[in-house]
Amino acid sequence: HVAIILDGNGRWAKKRFLPRNAGHAAGAKTVEKTIESAHNMG
């Protein structure tokens, strides 16, 4: 069992001069990729 605190979406967006909401949207995509990676690892 792996638990994750998803932190840094706002800072990710700020570094790219994007609104914070863009960071949250990017973070949601990362969640999907991480689920797949976690499953593949067992």
PDB file of all heavy atoms in Angstrom:
ATOM      1  N   HIS A   1       0.845  -1.190   0.000  1.00  0.00           N
ATOM      2  CA  HIS A   1       0.000   0.000   0.000  1.00  0.00           C
ATOM      3  C   HIS A   1       0.885   1.247   0.000  1.00  0.00           C
ATOM      4  O   HIS A   1       1.709   1.435   0.887  1.00  0.00           O
ATOM      5  CB  HIS A   1      -0.905  -0.008   1.235  1.00  0.00           C
ATOM      6  CG  HIS A   1      -1.862   1.149   1.296  1.00  0.00           C
ATOM      7  ND1 HIS A   1      -2.757   1.308   2.335  1.00  0.00           N
ATOM      8  CD2 HIS A   1      -2.074   2.208   0.470  1.00  0.00           C
ATOM      9  CE1 HIS A   1      -3.471   2.405   2.135  1.00  0.00           C
ATOM     10  NE2 HIS A   1      -3.068   2.970   1.009  1.00  0.00           N
ATOM     11  N   VAL A   2       0.697   2.093  -1.003  1.00  0.00           N
ATOM     12  CA  VAL A   2       1.413   3.362  -1.096  1.00  0.00           C
ATOM     13  C   VAL A   2       0.411   4.502  -0.977  1.00  0.00           C
ATOM     14  O   VAL A   2      -0.606   4.526  -1.681  1.00  0.00           O
ATOM     15  CB  VAL A   2       2.185   3.478  -2.432  1.00  0.00           C
ATOM     16  CG1 VAL A   2       2.818   4.868  -2.560  1.00  0.00           C
ATOM     17  CG2 VAL A   2       3.252   2.397  -2.532  1.00  0.00           C
ATOM     18  N   ALA A   3       0.681   5.440  -0.074  1.00  0.00           N
ATOM     19  CA  ALA A   3      -0.138   6.642   0.078  1.00  0.00           C
ATOM     20  C   ALA A   3       0.672   7.832  -0.416  1.00  0.00           C
ATOM     21  O   ALA A   3       1.889   7.887  -0.208  1.00  0.00           O
ATOM     22  CB  ALA A   3      -0.539   6.843   1.536  1.00  0.00           C
ATOM     23  N   ILE A   4       0.005   8.769  -1.086  1.00  0.00           N
ATOM     24  CA  ILE A   4       0.717   9.917  -1.662  1.00  0.00           C
ATOM     25  C   ILE A   4       0.022  11.222  -1.298  1.00  0.00           C
ATOM     26  O   ILE A   4      -1.203  11.321  -1.369  1.00  0.00           O
ATOM     27  CB  ILE A   4       0.814   9.816  -3.204  1.00  0.00           C
ATOM     28  CG1 ILE A   4       1.395   8.468  -3.629  1.00  0.00           C
ATOM     29  CG2 ILE A   4       1.666  10.955  -3.750  1.00  0.00           C
ATOM     30  CD1 ILE A   4       1.506   8.297  -5.137  1.00  0.00           C
ATOM     31  N   ILE A   5       0.821  12.210  -0.904  1.00  0.00           N
ATOM     32  CA  ILE A   5       0.346  13.585  -0.760  1.00  0.00           C
ATOM     33  C   ILE A   5       0.761  14.308  -2.039  1.00  0.00           C
ATOM     34  O   ILE A   5       1.949  14.523  -2.293  1.00  0.00           O
ATOM     35  CB  ILE A   5       0.937  14.273   0.481  1.00  0.00           C
ATOM     36  CG1 ILE A   5       0.517  13.520   1.755  1.00  0.00           C
ATOM     37  CG2 ILE A   5       0.493  15.726   0.559  1.00  0.00           C
ATOM     38  CD1 ILE A   5       1.131  14.071   3.029  1.00  0.00           C
ATOM     39  N   LEU A   6      -0.228  14.658  -2.862  1.00  0.00           N
ATOM     40  CA  LEU A   6       0.019  15.266  -4.164  1.00  0.00           C
ATOM     41  C   LEU A   6       0.274  16.759  -3.981  1.00  0.00           C
ATOM     42  O   LEU A   6      -0.663  17.533  -3.870  1.00  0.00           O
ATOM     43  CB  LEU A   6      -1.203  15.072  -5.081  1.00  0.00           C
ATOM     44  CG  LEU A   6      -1.922  13.717  -5.010  1.00  0.00           C
ATOM     45  CD1 LEU A   6      -3.156  13.733  -5.892  1.00  0.00           C
ATOM     46  CD2 LEU A   6      -0.979  12.595  -5.446  1.00  0.00           C
ATOM     47  N   ASP A   7       1.514  17.165  -3.964  1.00  0.00           N
ATOM     48  CA  ASP A   7       1.831  18.554  -3.649  1.00  0.00           C
ATOM     49  C   ASP A   7       2.651  19.186  -4.760  1.00  0.00           C
ATOM     50  O   ASP A   7       3.519  18.533  -5.346  1.00  0.00           O
ATOM     51  CB  ASP A   7       2.616  18.607  -2.326  1.00  0.00           C
ATOM     52  CG  ASP A   7       2.490  19.946  -1.630  1.00  0.00           C
ATOM     53  OD1 ASP A   7       1.796  20.825  -2.157  1.00  0.00           O
ATOM     54  OD2 ASP A   7       3.094  20.113  -0.555  1.00  0.00           O
ATOM     55  N   GLY A   8       2.375  20.441  -5.035  1.00  0.00           N
ATOM     56  CA  GLY A   8       3.188  21.193  -5.982  1.00  0.00           C
ATOM     57  C   GLY A   8       2.494  21.560  -7.280  1.00  0.00           C
ATOM     58  O   GLY A   8       3.128  22.120  -8.182  1.00  0.00           O
ATOM     59  N   ASN A   9       1.198  21.303  -7.393  1.00  0.00           N
ATOM     60  CA  ASN A   9       0.484  21.655  -8.629  1.00  0.00           C
ATOM     61  C   ASN A   9       0.540  23.157  -8.916  1.00  0.00           C
ATOM     62  O   ASN A   9       0.785  23.580 -10.050  1.00  0.00           O
ATOM     63  CB  ASN A   9      -0.981  21.222  -8.538  1.00  0.00           C
ATOM     64  CG  ASN A   9      -1.150  19.719  -8.563  1.00  0.00           C
ATOM     65  OD1 ASN A   9      -0.280  18.997  -9.025  1.00  0.00           O
ATOM     66  ND2 ASN A   9      -2.270  19.243  -8.058  1.00  0.00           N
ATOM     67  N   GLY A  10       0.293  23.964  -7.871  1.00  0.00           N
ATOM     68  CA  GLY A  10       0.299  25.413  -8.046  1.00  0.00           C
ATOM     69  C   GLY A  10       1.667  25.946  -8.430  1.00  0.00           C
ATOM     70  O   GLY A  10       1.789  26.809  -9.311  1.00  0.00           O
ATOM     71  N   ARG A  11       2.708  25.423  -7.776  1.00  0.00           N
ATOM     72  CA  ARG A  11       4.061  25.877  -8.073  1.00  0.00           C
ATOM     73  C   ARG A  11       4.488  25.453  -9.484  1.00  0.00           C
ATOM     74  O   ARG A  11       5.197  26.185 -10.182  1.00  0.00           O
ATOM     75  CB  ARG A  11       5.041  25.338  -7.027  1.00  0.00           C
ATOM     76  CG  ARG A  11       5.108  26.189  -5.774  1.00  0.00           C
ATOM     77  CD  ARG A  11       5.795  25.480  -4.634  1.00  0.00           C
ATOM     78  NE  ARG A  11       4.879  24.540  -3.986  1.00  0.00           N
ATOM     79  CZ  ARG A  11       5.233  23.728  -3.003  1.00  0.00           C
ATOM     80  NH1 ARG A  11       6.475  23.731  -2.568  1.00  0.00           N
ATOM     81  NH2 ARG A  11       4.349  22.922  -2.451  1.00  0.00           N
ATOM     82  N   TRP A  12       4.048  24.267  -9.880  1.00  0.00           N
ATOM     83  CA  TRP A  12       4.329  23.790 -11.249  1.00  0.00           C
ATOM     84  C   TRP A  12       3.744  24.759 -12.265  1.00  0.00           C
ATOM     85  O   TRP A  12       4.392  25.117 -13.246  1.00  0.00           O
ATOM     86  CB  TRP A  12       3.739  22.393 -11.419  1.00  0.00           C
ATOM     87  CG  TRP A  12       3.984  21.756 -12.748  1.00  0.00           C
ATOM     88  CD1 TRP A  12       5.034  20.953 -13.102  1.00  0.00           C
ATOM     89  CD2 TRP A  12       3.144  21.854 -13.917  1.00  0.00           C
ATOM     90  NE1 TRP A  12       4.904  20.546 -14.408  1.00  0.00           N
ATOM     91  CE2 TRP A  12       3.751  21.079 -14.936  1.00  0.00           C
ATOM     92  CE3 TRP A  12       1.948  22.501 -14.198  1.00  0.00           C
ATOM     93  CZ2 TRP A  12       3.195  20.944 -16.210  1.00  0.00           C
ATOM     94  CZ3 TRP A  12       1.394  22.384 -15.467  1.00  0.00           C
ATOM     95  CH2 TRP A  12       2.009  21.613 -16.459  1.00  0.00           C
ATOM     96  N   ALA A  13       2.503  25.187 -12.028  1.00  0.00           N
ATOM     97  CA  ALA A  13       1.847  26.131 -12.944  1.00  0.00           C
ATOM     98  C   ALA A  13       2.537  27.497 -12.921  1.00  0.00           C
ATOM     99  O   ALA A  13       2.757  28.115 -13.973  1.00  0.00           O
ATOM    100  CB  ALA A  13       0.374  26.271 -12.567  1.00  0.00           C
ATOM    101  N   LYS A  14       2.883  27.965 -11.730  1.00  0.00           N
ATOM    102  CA  LYS A  14       3.514  29.276 -11.591  1.00  0.00           C
ATOM    103  C   LYS A  14       4.831  29.329 -12.350  1.00  0.00           C
ATOM    104  O   LYS A  14       5.148  30.342 -13.002  1.00  0.00           O
ATOM    105  CB  LYS A  14       3.735  29.587 -10.107  1.00  0.00           C
ATOM    106  CG  LYS A  14       4.296  30.975  -9.856  1.00  0.00           C
ATOM    107  CD  LYS A  14       4.426  31.255  -8.354  1.00  0.00           C
ATOM    108  CE  LYS A  14       4.984  32.652  -8.100  1.00  0.00           C
ATOM    109  NZ  LYS A  14       5.106  32.917  -6.642  1.00  0.00           N
ATOM    110  N   LYS A  15       5.617  28.261 -12.300  1.00  0.00           N
ATOM    111  CA  LYS A  15       6.900  28.206 -13.005  1.00  0.00           C
ATOM    112  C   LYS A  15       6.708  28.353 -14.515  1.00  0.00           C
ATOM    113  O   LYS A  15       7.609  28.798 -15.222  1.00  0.00           O
ATOM    114  CB  LYS A  15       7.611  26.888 -12.710  1.00  0.00           C
ATOM    115  CG  LYS A  15       8.254  26.823 -11.334  1.00  0.00           C
ATOM    116  CD  LYS A  15       8.847  25.453 -11.059  1.00  0.00           C
ATOM    117  CE  LYS A  15       9.958  25.116 -12.039  1.00  0.00           C
ATOM    118  NZ  LYS A  15      10.591  23.817 -11.724  1.00  0.00           N
ATOM    119  N   ARG A  16       5.534  27.980 -14.987  1.00  0.00           N
ATOM    120  CA  ARG A  16       5.231  28.023 -16.423  1.00  0.00           C
ATOM    121  C   ARG A  16       4.336  29.206 -16.792  1.00  0.00           C
ATOM    122  O   ARG A  16       3.800  29.255 -17.891  1.00  0.00           O
ATOM    123  CB  ARG A  16       4.586  26.697 -16.841  1.00  0.00           C
ATOM    124  CG  ARG A  16       5.576  25.549 -16.814  1.00  0.00           C
ATOM    125  CD  ARG A  16       4.897  24.189 -16.718  1.00  0.00           C
ATOM    126  NE  ARG A  16       5.902  23.126 -16.767  1.00  0.00           N
ATOM    127  CZ  ARG A  16       6.655  22.773 -15.726  1.00  0.00           C
ATOM    128  NH1 ARG A  16       6.517  23.421 -14.564  1.00  0.00           N
ATOM    129  NH2 ARG A  16       7.546  21.803 -15.839  1.00  0.00           N
ATOM    130  N   PHE A  17       4.139  30.125 -15.828  1.00  0.00           N
ATOM    131  CA  PHE A  17       3.301  31.309 -16.026  1.00  0.00           C
ATOM    132  C   PHE A  17       1.881  30.916 -16.441  1.00  0.00           C
ATOM    133  O   PHE A  17       1.256  31.559 -17.292  1.00  0.00           O
ATOM    134  CB  PHE A  17       3.937  32.248 -17.072  1.00  0.00           C
ATOM    135  CG  PHE A  17       5.326  32.674 -16.712  1.00  0.00           C
ATOM    136  CD1 PHE A  17       6.433  32.050 -17.287  1.00  0.00           C
ATOM    137  CD2 PHE A  17       5.542  33.668 -15.765  1.00  0.00           C
ATOM    138  CE1 PHE A  17       7.725  32.424 -16.941  1.00  0.00           C
ATOM    139  CE2 PHE A  17       6.835  34.054 -15.418  1.00  0.00           C
ATOM    140  CZ  PHE A  17       7.925  33.433 -16.005  1.00  0.00           C
ATOM    141  N   LEU A  18       1.389  29.856 -15.819  1.00  0.00           N
ATOM    142  CA  LEU A  18       0.044  29.346 -16.075  1.00  0.00           C
ATOM    143  C   LEU A  18      -0.821  29.559 -14.836  1.00  0.00           C
ATOM    144  O   LEU A  18      -0.305  29.689 -13.722  1.00  0.00           O
ATOM    145  CB  LEU A  18       0.090  27.850 -16.411  1.00  0.00           C
ATOM    146  CG  LEU A  18       0.838  27.443 -17.679  1.00  0.00           C
ATOM    147  CD1 LEU A  18       0.999  25.929 -17.739  1.00  0.00           C
ATOM    148  CD2 LEU A  18       0.112  27.953 -18.909  1.00  0.00           C
ATOM    149  N   PRO A  19      -2.138  29.574 -14.971  1.00  0.00           N
ATOM    150  CA  PRO A  19      -3.002  29.661 -13.791  1.00  0.00           C
ATOM    151  C   PRO A  19      -2.893  28.391 -12.957  1.00  0.00           C
ATOM    152  O   PRO A  19      -2.570  27.311 -13.475  1.00  0.00           O
ATOM    153  CB  PRO A  19      -4.411  29.818 -14.385  1.00  0.00           C
ATOM    154  CG  PRO A  19      -4.313  29.249 -15.761  1.00  0.00           C
ATOM    155  CD  PRO A  19      -2.921  29.549 -16.238  1.00  0.00           C
ATOM    156  N   ARG A  20      -3.171  28.511 -11.674  1.00  0.00           N
ATOM    157  CA  ARG A  20      -3.062  27.368 -10.765  1.00  0.00           C
ATOM    158  C   ARG A  20      -3.927  26.200 -11.236  1.00  0.00           C
ATOM    159  O   ARG A  20      -3.559  25.038 -11.064  1.00  0.00           O
ATOM    160  CB  ARG A  20      -3.474  27.780  -9.345  1.00  0.00           C
ATOM    161  CG  ARG A  20      -2.460  28.648  -8.637  1.00  0.00           C
ATOM    162  CD  ARG A  20      -2.946  29.068  -7.255  1.00  0.00           C
ATOM    163  NE  ARG A  20      -3.190  27.934  -6.388  1.00  0.00           N
ATOM    164  CZ  ARG A  20      -2.250  27.335  -5.642  1.00  0.00           C
ATOM    165  NH1 ARG A  20      -1.001  27.759  -5.701  1.00  0.00           N
ATOM    166  NH2 ARG A  20      -2.555  26.321  -4.864  1.00  0.00           N
ATOM    167  N   ASN A  21      -5.067  26.522 -11.836  1.00  0.00           N
ATOM    168  CA  ASN A  21      -5.968  25.460 -12.286  1.00  0.00           C
ATOM    169  C   ASN A  21      -5.312  24.557 -13.329  1.00  0.00           C
ATOM    170  O   ASN A  21      -5.618  23.363 -13.409  1.00  0.00           O
ATOM    171  CB  ASN A  21      -7.252  26.063 -12.861  1.00  0.00           C
ATOM    172  CG  ASN A  21      -8.028  26.840 -11.815  1.00  0.00           C
ATOM    173  OD1 ASN A  21      -7.840  26.632 -10.618  1.00  0.00           O
ATOM    174  ND2 ASN A  21      -8.889  27.748 -12.257  1.00  0.00           N
ATOM    175  N   ALA A  22      -4.406  25.125 -14.114  1.00  0.00           N
ATOM    176  CA  ALA A  22      -3.676  24.323 -15.100  1.00  0.00           C
ATOM    177  C   ALA A  22      -2.785  23.300 -14.405  1.00  0.00           C
ATOM    178  O   ALA A  22      -2.598  22.177 -14.888  1.00  0.00           O
ATOM    179  CB  ALA A  22      -2.846  25.226 -16.010  1.00  0.00           C
ATOM    180  N   GLY A  23      -2.245  23.694 -13.259  1.00  0.00           N
ATOM    181  CA  GLY A  23      -1.437  22.765 -12.475  1.00  0.00           C
ATOM    182  C   GLY A  23      -2.266  21.617 -11.938  1.00  0.00           C
ATOM    183  O   GLY A  23      -1.825  20.457 -11.929  1.00  0.00           O
ATOM    184  N   HIS A  24      -3.482  21.923 -11.478  1.00  0.00           N
ATOM    185  CA  HIS A  24      -4.361  20.863 -10.965  1.00  0.00           C
ATOM    186  C   HIS A  24      -4.758  19.898 -12.077  1.00  0.00           C
ATOM    187  O   HIS A  24      -4.840  18.687 -11.855  1.00  0.00           O
ATOM    188  CB  HIS A  24      -5.597  21.485 -10.327  1.00  0.00           C
ATOM    189  CG  HIS A  24      -5.305  22.299  -9.097  1.00  0.00           C
ATOM    190  ND1 HIS A  24      -4.527  21.819  -8.060  1.00  0.00           N
ATOM    191  CD2 HIS A  24      -5.661  23.567  -8.746  1.00  0.00           C
ATOM    192  CE1 HIS A  24      -4.435  22.748  -7.113  1.00  0.00           C
ATOM    193  NE2 HIS A  24      -5.101  23.809  -7.516  1.00  0.00           N
ATOM    194  N   ALA A  25      -5.017  20.438 -13.271  1.00  0.00           N
ATOM    195  CA  ALA A  25      -5.375  19.583 -14.403  1.00  0.00           C
ATOM    196  C   ALA A  25      -4.206  18.673 -14.779  1.00  0.00           C
ATOM    197  O   ALA A  25      -4.390  17.478 -15.056  1.00  0.00           O
ATOM    198  CB  ALA A  25      -5.787  20.442 -15.597  1.00  0.00           C
ATOM    199  N   ALA A  26      -2.995  19.227 -14.764  1.00  0.00           N
ATOM    200  CA  ALA A  26      -1.813  18.423 -15.062  1.00  0.00           C
ATOM    201  C   ALA A  26      -1.604  17.367 -13.982  1.00  0.00           C
ATOM    202  O   ALA A  26      -1.224  16.221 -14.271  1.00  0.00           O
ATOM    203  CB  ALA A  26      -0.579  19.324 -15.167  1.00  0.00           C
ATOM    204  N   GLY A  27      -1.873  17.753 -12.733  1.00  0.00           N
ATOM    205  CA  GLY A  27      -1.740  16.808 -11.628  1.00  0.00           C
ATOM    206  C   GLY A  27      -2.703  15.644 -11.737  1.00  0.00           C
ATOM    207  O   GLY A  27      -2.358  14.508 -11.389  1.00  0.00           O
ATOM    208  N   ALA A  28      -3.918  15.909 -12.244  1.00  0.00           N
ATOM    209  CA  ALA A  28      -4.905  14.832 -12.419  1.00  0.00           C
ATOM    210  C   ALA A  28      -4.408  13.810 -13.437  1.00  0.00           C
ATOM    211  O   ALA A  28      -4.616  12.595 -13.273  1.00  0.00           O
ATOM    212  CB  ALA A  28      -6.241  15.421 -12.863  1.00  0.00           C
ATOM    213  N   LYS A  29      -3.747  14.285 -14.488  1.00  0.00           N
ATOM    214  CA  LYS A  29      -3.192  13.361 -15.481  1.00  0.00           C
ATOM    215  C   LYS A  29      -2.069  12.520 -14.887  1.00  0.00           C
ATOM    216  O   LYS A  29      -1.916  11.339 -15.204  1.00  0.00           O
ATOM    217  CB  LYS A  29      -2.673  14.156 -16.687  1.00  0.00           C
ATOM    218  CG  LYS A  29      -3.777  14.831 -17.487  1.00  0.00           C
ATOM    219  CD  LYS A  29      -3.217  15.628 -18.653  1.00  0.00           C
ATOM    220  CE  LYS A  29      -4.332  16.322 -19.428  1.00  0.00           C
ATOM    221  NZ  LYS A  29      -3.802  17.161 -20.536  1.00  0.00           N
ATOM    222  N   THR A  30      -1.291  13.142 -13.995  1.00  0.00           N
ATOM    223  CA  THR A  30      -0.220  12.404 -13.330  1.00  0.00           C
ATOM    224  C   THR A  30      -0.776  11.301 -12.437  1.00  0.00           C
ATOM    225  O   THR A  30      -0.185  10.221 -12.315  1.00  0.00           O
ATOM    226  CB  THR A  30       0.663  13.360 -12.507  1.00  0.00           C
ATOM    227  OG1 THR A  30       1.230  14.330 -13.383  1.00  0.00           O
ATOM    228  CG2 THR A  30       1.784  12.619 -11.791  1.00  0.00           C
ATOM    229  N   VAL A  31      -1.920  11.557 -11.820  1.00  0.00           N
ATOM    230  CA  VAL A  31      -2.573  10.527 -10.999  1.00  0.00           C
ATOM    231  C   VAL A  31      -2.846   9.297 -11.847  1.00  0.00           C
ATOM    232  O   VAL A  31      -2.560   8.162 -11.438  1.00  0.00           O
ATOM    233  CB  VAL A  31      -3.884  11.061 -10.379  1.00  0.00           C
ATOM    234  CG1 VAL A  31      -4.686   9.914  -9.763  1.00  0.00           C
ATOM    235  CG2 VAL A  31      -3.589  12.102  -9.313  1.00  0.00           C
ATOM    236  N   GLU A  32      -3.406   9.491 -13.039  1.00  0.00           N
ATOM    237  CA  GLU A  32      -3.741   8.362 -13.909  1.00  0.00           C
ATOM    238  C   GLU A  32      -2.497   7.566 -14.293  1.00  0.00           C
ATOM    239  O   GLU A  32      -2.499   6.327 -14.272  1.00  0.00           O
ATOM    240  CB  GLU A  32      -4.459   8.864 -15.165  1.00  0.00           C
ATOM    241  CG  GLU A  32      -5.852   9.395 -14.907  1.00  0.00           C
ATOM    242  CD  GLU A  32      -6.683   8.401 -14.116  1.00  0.00           C
ATOM    243  OE1 GLU A  32      -6.746   7.215 -14.494  1.00  0.00           O
ATOM    244  OE2 GLU A  32      -7.267   8.817 -13.100  1.00  0.00           O
ATOM    245  N   LYS A  33      -1.428   8.266 -14.623  1.00  0.00           N
ATOM    246  CA  LYS A  33      -0.180   7.586 -14.990  1.00  0.00           C
ATOM    247  C   LYS A  33       0.393   6.820 -13.800  1.00  0.00           C
ATOM    248  O   LYS A  33       0.937   5.724 -13.948  1.00  0.00           O
ATOM    249  CB  LYS A  33       0.842   8.607 -15.501  1.00  0.00           C
ATOM    250  CG  LYS A  33       0.431   9.298 -16.795  1.00  0.00           C
ATOM    251  CD  LYS A  33       1.422  10.397 -17.157  1.00  0.00           C
ATOM    252  CE  LYS A  33       0.967  11.172 -18.386  1.00  0.00           C
ATOM    253  NZ  LYS A  33       1.885  12.316 -18.679  1.00  0.00           N
ATOM    254  N   THR A  34       0.253   7.411 -12.610  1.00  0.00           N
ATOM    255  CA  THR A  34       0.808   6.776 -11.408  1.00  0.00           C
ATOM    256  C   THR A  34       0.029   5.518 -11.039  1.00  0.00           C
ATOM    257  O   THR A  34       0.616   4.532 -10.590  1.00  0.00           O
ATOM    258  CB  THR A  34       0.806   7.778 -10.233  1.00  0.00           C
ATOM    259  OG1 THR A  34       1.553   8.941 -10.612  1.00  0.00           O
ATOM    260  CG2 THR A  34       1.443   7.167  -8.992  1.00  0.00           C
ATOM    261  N   ILE A  35      -1.282   5.543 -11.223  1.00  0.00           N
ATOM    262  CA  ILE A  35      -2.078   4.338 -10.973  1.00  0.00           C
ATOM    263  C   ILE A  35      -1.584   3.196 -11.854  1.00  0.00           C
ATOM    264  O   ILE A  35      -1.386   2.062 -11.396  1.00  0.00           O
ATOM    265  CB  ILE A  35      -3.579   4.597 -11.244  1.00  0.00           C
ATOM    266  CG1 ILE A  35      -4.149   5.603 -10.251  1.00  0.00           C
ATOM    267  CG2 ILE A  35      -4.370   3.287 -11.159  1.00  0.00           C
ATOM    268  CD1 ILE A  35      -5.549   6.093 -10.610  1.00  0.00           C
ATOM    269  N   GLU A  36      -1.381   3.503 -13.129  1.00  0.00           N
ATOM    270  CA  GLU A  36      -0.917   2.479 -14.070  1.00  0.00           C
ATOM    271  C   GLU A  36       0.464   1.962 -13.678  1.00  0.00           C
ATOM    272  O   GLU A  36       0.710   0.749 -13.678  1.00  0.00           O
ATOM    273  CB  GLU A  36      -0.876   3.052 -15.486  1.00  0.00           C
ATOM    274  CG  GLU A  36      -0.461   2.046 -16.541  1.00  0.00           C
ATOM    275  CD  GLU A  36      -0.486   2.616 -17.953  1.00  0.00           C
ATOM    276  OE1 GLU A  36      -0.899   3.779 -18.116  1.00  0.00           O
ATOM    277  OE2 GLU A  36      -0.085   1.887 -18.886  1.00  0.00           O
ATOM    278  N   SER A  37       1.365   2.882 -13.322  1.00  0.00           N
ATOM    279  CA  SER A  37       2.716   2.471 -12.912  1.00  0.00           C
ATOM    280  C   SER A  37       2.672   1.611 -11.653  1.00  0.00           C
ATOM    281  O   SER A  37       3.365   0.589 -11.557  1.00  0.00           O
ATOM    282  CB  SER A  37       3.591   3.707 -12.666  1.00  0.00           C
ATOM    283  OG  SER A  37       3.760   4.460 -13.836  1.00  0.00           O
ATOM    284  N   ALA A  38       1.859   2.025 -10.680  1.00  0.00           N
ATOM    285  CA  ALA A  38       1.742   1.273  -9.424  1.00  0.00           C
ATOM    286  C   ALA A  38       1.220  -0.129  -9.690  1.00  0.00           C
ATOM    287  O   ALA A  38       1.724  -1.121  -9.139  1.00  0.00           O
ATOM    288  CB  ALA A  38       0.825   2.019  -8.464  1.00  0.00           C
ATOM    289  N   HIS A  39       0.205  -0.226 -10.526  1.00  0.00           N
ATOM    290  CA  HIS A  39      -0.364  -1.533 -10.869  1.00  0.00           C
ATOM    291  C   HIS A  39       0.690  -2.423 -11.529  1.00  0.00           C
ATOM    292  O   HIS A  39       0.826  -3.604 -11.183  1.00  0.00           O
ATOM    293  CB  HIS A  39      -1.561  -1.347 -11.795  1.00  0.00           C
ATOM    294  CG  HIS A  39      -2.084  -2.629 -12.363  1.00  0.00           C
ATOM    295  ND1 HIS A  39      -2.768  -3.568 -11.593  1.00  0.00           N
ATOM    296  CD2 HIS A  39      -2.014  -3.153 -13.620  1.00  0.00           C
ATOM    297  CE1 HIS A  39      -3.097  -4.590 -12.352  1.00  0.00           C
ATOM    298  NE2 HIS A  39      -2.651  -4.370 -13.577  1.00  0.00           N
ATOM    299  N   ASN A  40       1.436  -1.866 -12.468  1.00  0.00           N
ATOM    300  CA  ASN A  40       2.461  -2.643 -13.177  1.00  0.00           C
ATOM    301  C   ASN A  40       3.568  -3.114 -12.249  1.00  0.00           C
ATOM    302  O   ASN A  40       4.185  -4.154 -12.492  1.00  0.00           O
ATOM    303  CB  ASN A  40       3.049  -1.819 -14.318  1.00  0.00           C
ATOM    304  CG  ASN A  40       2.053  -1.571 -15.435  1.00  0.00           C
ATOM    305  OD1 ASN A  40       1.083  -2.321 -15.587  1.00  0.00           O
ATOM    306  ND2 ASN A  40       2.279  -0.533 -16.229  1.00  0.00           N
ATOM    307  N   MET A  41       3.828  -2.356 -11.183  1.00  0.00           N
ATOM    308  CA  MET A  41       4.864  -2.735 -10.221  1.00  0.00           C
ATOM    309  C   MET A  41       4.388  -3.797  -9.228  1.00  0.00           C
ATOM    310  O   MET A  41       5.198  -4.383  -8.520  1.00  0.00           O
ATOM    311  CB  MET A  41       5.320  -1.498  -9.438  1.00  0.00           C
ATOM    312  CG  MET A  41       6.132  -0.527 -10.236  1.00  0.00           C
ATOM    313  SD  MET A  41       6.604   0.894  -9.194  1.00  0.00           S
ATOM    314  CE  MET A  41       7.081   2.065 -10.452  1.00  0.00           C
ATOM    315  N   GLY A  42       3.078  -3.972  -9.132  1.00  0.00           N
ATOM    316  CA  GLY A  42       2.545  -4.940  -8.179  1.00  0.00           C
ATOM    317  C   GLY A  42       2.035  -4.322  -6.894  1.00  0.00           C
ATOM    318  O   GLY A  42       1.718  -5.038  -5.936  1.00  0.00           O
TER     319      GLY A  42
END
